[in-house]
Amino acid sequence: MAHGGHQCACGGHDEAGLPELDVRVIPHAIRHATIFGALDGLRPGAGLLLVADHDPLPLLAQLEQRTPGAYAVDYRDAGPDVWRLELVRRA
């Protein structure tokens, strides 16, 4: 078994800090599904840094509707050109 119980060879367990998901480059038609897929893959206590070109309030509302209280959200940057949010899966 690899470092920390991680079994694949992706190298993801070697990353320092939160992985960054820059959704500005993802087509709008699949953007929310992509984000939900990334968040669903997080283990409790793990998180990611979401980067968007607008305040993702509709996404946050959908996330809360799908999984109430499952994620802690902290704005790192709040516009006007870029929004960075730290999302961490609660235990």
N, C-alpha and C. Protein backbone atom coordinates (compact mmCIF):
# COMPACT_ATOMS: atom_id res chain seq x y z
N MET A 1 0.84 -1.17 0.00
CA MET A 1 0.00 0.00 0.00
C MET A 1 0.89 1.23 0.00
N ALA A 2 0.49 2.22 -0.76
CA ALA A 2 1.28 3.44 -0.90
C ALA A 2 1.11 4.34 0.31
N HIS A 3 1.81 5.46 0.30
CA HIS A 3 1.82 6.47 1.35
C HIS A 3 0.40 6.82 1.79
N GLY A 4 0.13 6.76 3.09
CA GLY A 4 -1.14 7.20 3.65
C GLY A 4 -2.34 6.40 3.19
N GLY A 5 -2.14 5.16 2.72
CA GLY A 5 -3.26 4.36 2.26
C GLY A 5 -3.65 4.64 0.83
N HIS A 6 -2.97 5.54 0.18
CA HIS A 6 -3.25 5.90 -1.22
C HIS A 6 -2.63 4.85 -2.11
N GLN A 7 -3.43 4.21 -2.96
CA GLN A 7 -2.94 3.06 -3.72
C GLN A 7 -2.61 3.36 -5.17
N CYS A 8 -3.06 4.47 -5.72
CA CYS A 8 -2.78 4.70 -7.14
C CYS A 8 -1.40 5.36 -7.31
N ALA A 9 -1.01 5.55 -8.54
CA ALA A 9 0.29 6.15 -8.83
C ALA A 9 0.14 7.57 -9.37
N CYS A 10 -0.98 8.24 -9.01
CA CYS A 10 -1.24 9.56 -9.58
C CYS A 10 -0.32 10.65 -9.02
N GLY A 11 0.28 10.41 -7.88
CA GLY A 11 1.12 11.43 -7.26
C GLY A 11 0.34 12.43 -6.44
N GLY A 12 -1.00 12.30 -6.41
CA GLY A 12 -1.85 13.24 -5.70
C GLY A 12 -1.56 13.32 -4.22
N HIS A 13 -1.08 12.26 -3.65
CA HIS A 13 -0.80 12.25 -2.22
C HIS A 13 0.46 13.05 -1.90
N ASP A 14 1.20 13.46 -2.93
CA ASP A 14 2.43 14.22 -2.72
C ASP A 14 2.19 15.73 -2.78
N GLU A 15 0.97 16.16 -3.14
CA GLU A 15 0.70 17.58 -3.30
C GLU A 15 0.67 18.28 -1.95
N ALA A 16 1.26 19.47 -1.91
CA ALA A 16 1.22 20.29 -0.70
C ALA A 16 0.06 21.26 -0.82
N GLY A 17 -0.67 21.48 0.26
CA GLY A 17 -1.79 22.40 0.22
C GLY A 17 -2.99 21.81 -0.48
N LEU A 18 -3.96 22.65 -0.72
CA LEU A 18 -5.18 22.20 -1.38
C LEU A 18 -5.01 22.16 -2.90
N PRO A 19 -5.57 21.13 -3.54
CA PRO A 19 -5.55 21.13 -5.00
C PRO A 19 -6.47 22.24 -5.51
N GLU A 20 -6.11 22.85 -6.61
CA GLU A 20 -6.88 23.95 -7.18
C GLU A 20 -7.69 23.46 -8.37
N LEU A 21 -8.99 23.79 -8.36
CA LEU A 21 -9.86 23.47 -9.49
C LEU A 21 -10.29 24.80 -10.10
N ASP A 22 -9.68 25.15 -11.23
CA ASP A 22 -9.98 26.40 -11.93
C ASP A 22 -11.11 26.12 -12.92
N VAL A 23 -12.32 26.49 -12.54
CA VAL A 23 -13.47 26.16 -13.37
C VAL A 23 -13.70 27.17 -14.50
N ARG A 24 -12.88 28.20 -14.56
CA ARG A 24 -13.03 29.18 -15.63
C ARG A 24 -12.76 28.55 -16.99
N VAL A 25 -12.04 27.45 -17.03
CA VAL A 25 -11.70 26.81 -18.31
C VAL A 25 -12.63 25.64 -18.64
N ILE A 26 -13.60 25.36 -17.78
CA ILE A 26 -14.53 24.25 -18.01
C ILE A 26 -15.79 24.80 -18.67
N PRO A 27 -16.25 24.18 -19.77
CA PRO A 27 -17.47 24.66 -20.42
C PRO A 27 -18.65 24.72 -19.45
N HIS A 28 -19.44 25.77 -19.55
CA HIS A 28 -20.53 26.00 -18.61
C HIS A 28 -21.49 24.81 -18.55
N ALA A 29 -21.73 24.15 -19.66
CA ALA A 29 -22.69 23.04 -19.71
C ALA A 29 -22.33 21.89 -18.77
N ILE A 30 -21.04 21.74 -18.45
CA ILE A 30 -20.62 20.64 -17.59
C ILE A 30 -19.91 21.12 -16.32
N ARG A 31 -19.92 22.42 -16.10
CA ARG A 31 -19.15 22.99 -14.99
C ARG A 31 -19.61 22.47 -13.63
N HIS A 32 -20.91 22.58 -13.32
CA HIS A 32 -21.38 22.16 -12.00
C HIS A 32 -21.20 20.66 -11.79
N ALA A 33 -21.47 19.87 -12.81
CA ALA A 33 -21.28 18.41 -12.69
C ALA A 33 -19.82 18.08 -12.41
N THR A 34 -18.92 18.81 -13.04
CA THR A 34 -17.49 18.59 -12.82
C THR A 34 -17.11 18.91 -11.38
N ILE A 35 -17.62 20.02 -10.88
CA ILE A 35 -17.32 20.43 -9.50
C ILE A 35 -17.89 19.41 -8.51
N PHE A 36 -19.13 19.00 -8.72
CA PHE A 36 -19.74 18.02 -7.82
C PHE A 36 -18.97 16.71 -7.83
N GLY A 37 -18.51 16.29 -9.00
CA GLY A 37 -17.70 15.08 -9.08
C GLY A 37 -16.42 15.20 -8.28
N ALA A 38 -15.76 16.34 -8.39
CA ALA A 38 -14.52 16.56 -7.63
C ALA A 38 -14.80 16.57 -6.13
N LEU A 39 -15.87 17.23 -5.72
CA LEU A 39 -16.20 17.30 -4.29
C LEU A 39 -16.62 15.94 -3.75
N ASP A 40 -17.36 15.18 -4.53
CA ASP A 40 -17.79 13.85 -4.10
C ASP A 40 -16.60 12.92 -3.87
N GLY A 41 -15.49 13.19 -4.55
CA GLY A 41 -14.30 12.36 -4.42
C GLY A 41 -13.44 12.69 -3.21
N LEU A 42 -13.80 13.74 -2.48
CA LEU A 42 -13.01 14.13 -1.31
C LEU A 42 -13.37 13.28 -0.10
N ARG A 43 -12.35 12.90 0.65
CA ARG A 43 -12.59 12.21 1.92
C ARG A 43 -12.84 13.27 2.99
N PRO A 44 -13.49 12.92 4.09
CA PRO A 44 -13.72 13.90 5.16
C PRO A 44 -12.41 14.55 5.61
N GLY A 45 -12.43 15.86 5.74
CA GLY A 45 -11.26 16.62 6.14
C GLY A 45 -10.44 17.13 4.97
N ALA A 46 -10.68 16.59 3.77
CA ALA A 46 -9.97 17.03 2.57
C ALA A 46 -10.76 18.15 1.89
N GLY A 47 -10.07 18.91 1.07
CA GLY A 47 -10.74 20.01 0.40
C GLY A 47 -10.08 20.37 -0.90
N LEU A 48 -10.61 21.42 -1.51
CA LEU A 48 -10.04 21.95 -2.74
C LEU A 48 -10.24 23.45 -2.77
N LEU A 49 -9.49 24.10 -3.62
CA LEU A 49 -9.61 25.54 -3.84
C LEU A 49 -10.29 25.74 -5.17
N LEU A 50 -11.51 26.25 -5.15
CA LEU A 50 -12.29 26.49 -6.35
C LEU A 50 -12.01 27.89 -6.86
N VAL A 51 -11.68 28.01 -8.14
CA VAL A 51 -11.39 29.31 -8.75
C VAL A 51 -12.44 29.57 -9.83
N ALA A 52 -13.14 30.71 -9.71
CA ALA A 52 -14.22 31.05 -10.64
C ALA A 52 -14.12 32.51 -11.06
N ASP A 53 -14.84 32.85 -12.14
CA ASP A 53 -14.84 34.22 -12.63
C ASP A 53 -16.04 35.03 -12.13
N HIS A 54 -16.83 34.43 -11.23
CA HIS A 54 -17.96 35.11 -10.61
C HIS A 54 -18.22 34.46 -9.24
N ASP A 55 -19.00 35.12 -8.43
CA ASP A 55 -19.36 34.56 -7.13
C ASP A 55 -20.27 33.35 -7.37
N PRO A 56 -19.86 32.15 -6.97
CA PRO A 56 -20.62 30.95 -7.31
C PRO A 56 -21.79 30.67 -6.36
N LEU A 57 -22.60 31.68 -6.08
CA LEU A 57 -23.73 31.50 -5.17
C LEU A 57 -24.71 30.42 -5.65
N PRO A 58 -25.07 30.37 -6.95
CA PRO A 58 -25.97 29.29 -7.38
C PRO A 58 -25.38 27.90 -7.14
N LEU A 59 -24.09 27.75 -7.38
CA LEU A 59 -23.41 26.47 -7.13
C LEU A 59 -23.47 26.13 -5.65
N LEU A 60 -23.18 27.09 -4.79
CA LEU A 60 -23.20 26.84 -3.35
C LEU A 60 -24.59 26.46 -2.87
N ALA A 61 -25.63 27.07 -3.45
CA ALA A 61 -27.00 26.72 -3.10
C ALA A 61 -27.31 25.29 -3.53
N GLN A 62 -26.87 24.91 -4.74
CA GLN A 62 -27.07 23.54 -5.21
C GLN A 62 -26.33 22.55 -4.33
N LEU A 63 -25.12 22.89 -3.95
CA LEU A 63 -24.31 22.02 -3.11
C LEU A 63 -25.00 21.79 -1.76
N GLU A 64 -25.51 22.85 -1.18
CA GLU A 64 -26.19 22.74 0.11
C GLU A 64 -27.48 21.92 -0.02
N GLN A 65 -28.14 22.06 -1.15
CA GLN A 65 -29.36 21.28 -1.39
C GLN A 65 -29.04 19.80 -1.56
N ARG A 66 -27.94 19.49 -2.27
CA ARG A 66 -27.53 18.10 -2.51
C ARG A 66 -27.04 17.43 -1.24
N THR A 67 -26.19 18.14 -0.48
CA THR A 67 -25.53 17.57 0.69
C THR A 67 -25.51 18.61 1.81
N PRO A 68 -26.64 18.79 2.49
CA PRO A 68 -26.73 19.84 3.51
C PRO A 68 -25.64 19.72 4.58
N GLY A 69 -24.91 20.83 4.76
CA GLY A 69 -23.91 20.92 5.81
C GLY A 69 -22.66 20.08 5.61
N ALA A 70 -22.49 19.48 4.44
CA ALA A 70 -21.37 18.57 4.22
C ALA A 70 -20.04 19.27 3.97
N TYR A 71 -20.07 20.54 3.56
CA TYR A 71 -18.84 21.24 3.21
C TYR A 71 -18.74 22.58 3.93
N ALA A 72 -17.54 22.88 4.42
CA ALA A 72 -17.24 24.20 4.95
C ALA A 72 -16.73 25.05 3.79
N VAL A 73 -17.21 26.27 3.68
CA VAL A 73 -16.84 27.16 2.58
C VAL A 73 -16.21 28.41 3.15
N ASP A 74 -15.04 28.77 2.61
CA ASP A 74 -14.34 29.96 3.06
C ASP A 74 -13.86 30.72 1.83
N TYR A 75 -14.30 31.97 1.68
CA TYR A 75 -13.85 32.80 0.56
C TYR A 75 -12.42 33.25 0.83
N ARG A 76 -11.53 32.94 -0.09
CA ARG A 76 -10.15 33.43 0.00
C ARG A 76 -10.01 34.75 -0.77
N ASP A 77 -10.68 34.84 -1.92
CA ASP A 77 -10.74 36.07 -2.73
C ASP A 77 -12.18 36.22 -3.20
N ALA A 78 -12.68 37.46 -3.17
CA ALA A 78 -14.06 37.70 -3.56
C ALA A 78 -14.15 38.81 -4.60
N GLY A 79 -13.62 38.52 -5.80
CA GLY A 79 -13.76 39.41 -6.94
C GLY A 79 -12.91 40.66 -6.85
N PRO A 80 -13.06 41.54 -7.78
CA PRO A 80 -14.10 41.53 -8.81
C PRO A 80 -13.78 40.66 -10.04
N ASP A 81 -12.53 40.27 -10.22
CA ASP A 81 -12.17 39.50 -11.42
C ASP A 81 -12.09 38.00 -11.17
N VAL A 82 -11.75 37.62 -9.95
CA VAL A 82 -11.61 36.19 -9.65
C VAL A 82 -12.10 35.93 -8.22
N TRP A 83 -12.76 34.80 -8.08
CA TRP A 83 -13.22 34.33 -6.77
C TRP A 83 -12.48 33.04 -6.47
N ARG A 84 -11.95 32.93 -5.27
CA ARG A 84 -11.31 31.71 -4.81
C ARG A 84 -11.98 31.28 -3.52
N LEU A 85 -12.50 30.06 -3.53
CA LEU A 85 -13.19 29.54 -2.36
C LEU A 85 -12.55 28.24 -1.93
N GLU A 86 -12.31 28.12 -0.65
CA GLU A 86 -11.83 26.87 -0.08
C GLU A 86 -13.05 26.07 0.34
N LEU A 87 -13.18 24.86 -0.19
CA LEU A 87 -14.27 23.97 0.19
C LEU A 87 -13.66 22.73 0.83
N VAL A 88 -14.07 22.44 2.06
CA VAL A 88 -13.53 21.31 2.80
C VAL A 88 -14.69 20.42 3.23
N ARG A 89 -14.55 19.13 2.96
CA ARG A 89 -15.58 18.18 3.35
C ARG A 89 -15.52 17.94 4.85
N ARG A 90 -16.65 18.11 5.48
CA ARG A 90 -16.72 17.89 6.93
C ARG A 90 -16.76 16.40 7.24
N ALA A 91 -16.32 16.05 8.43
CA ALA A 91 -16.29 14.64 8.84
C ALA A 91 -17.67 14.08 9.06
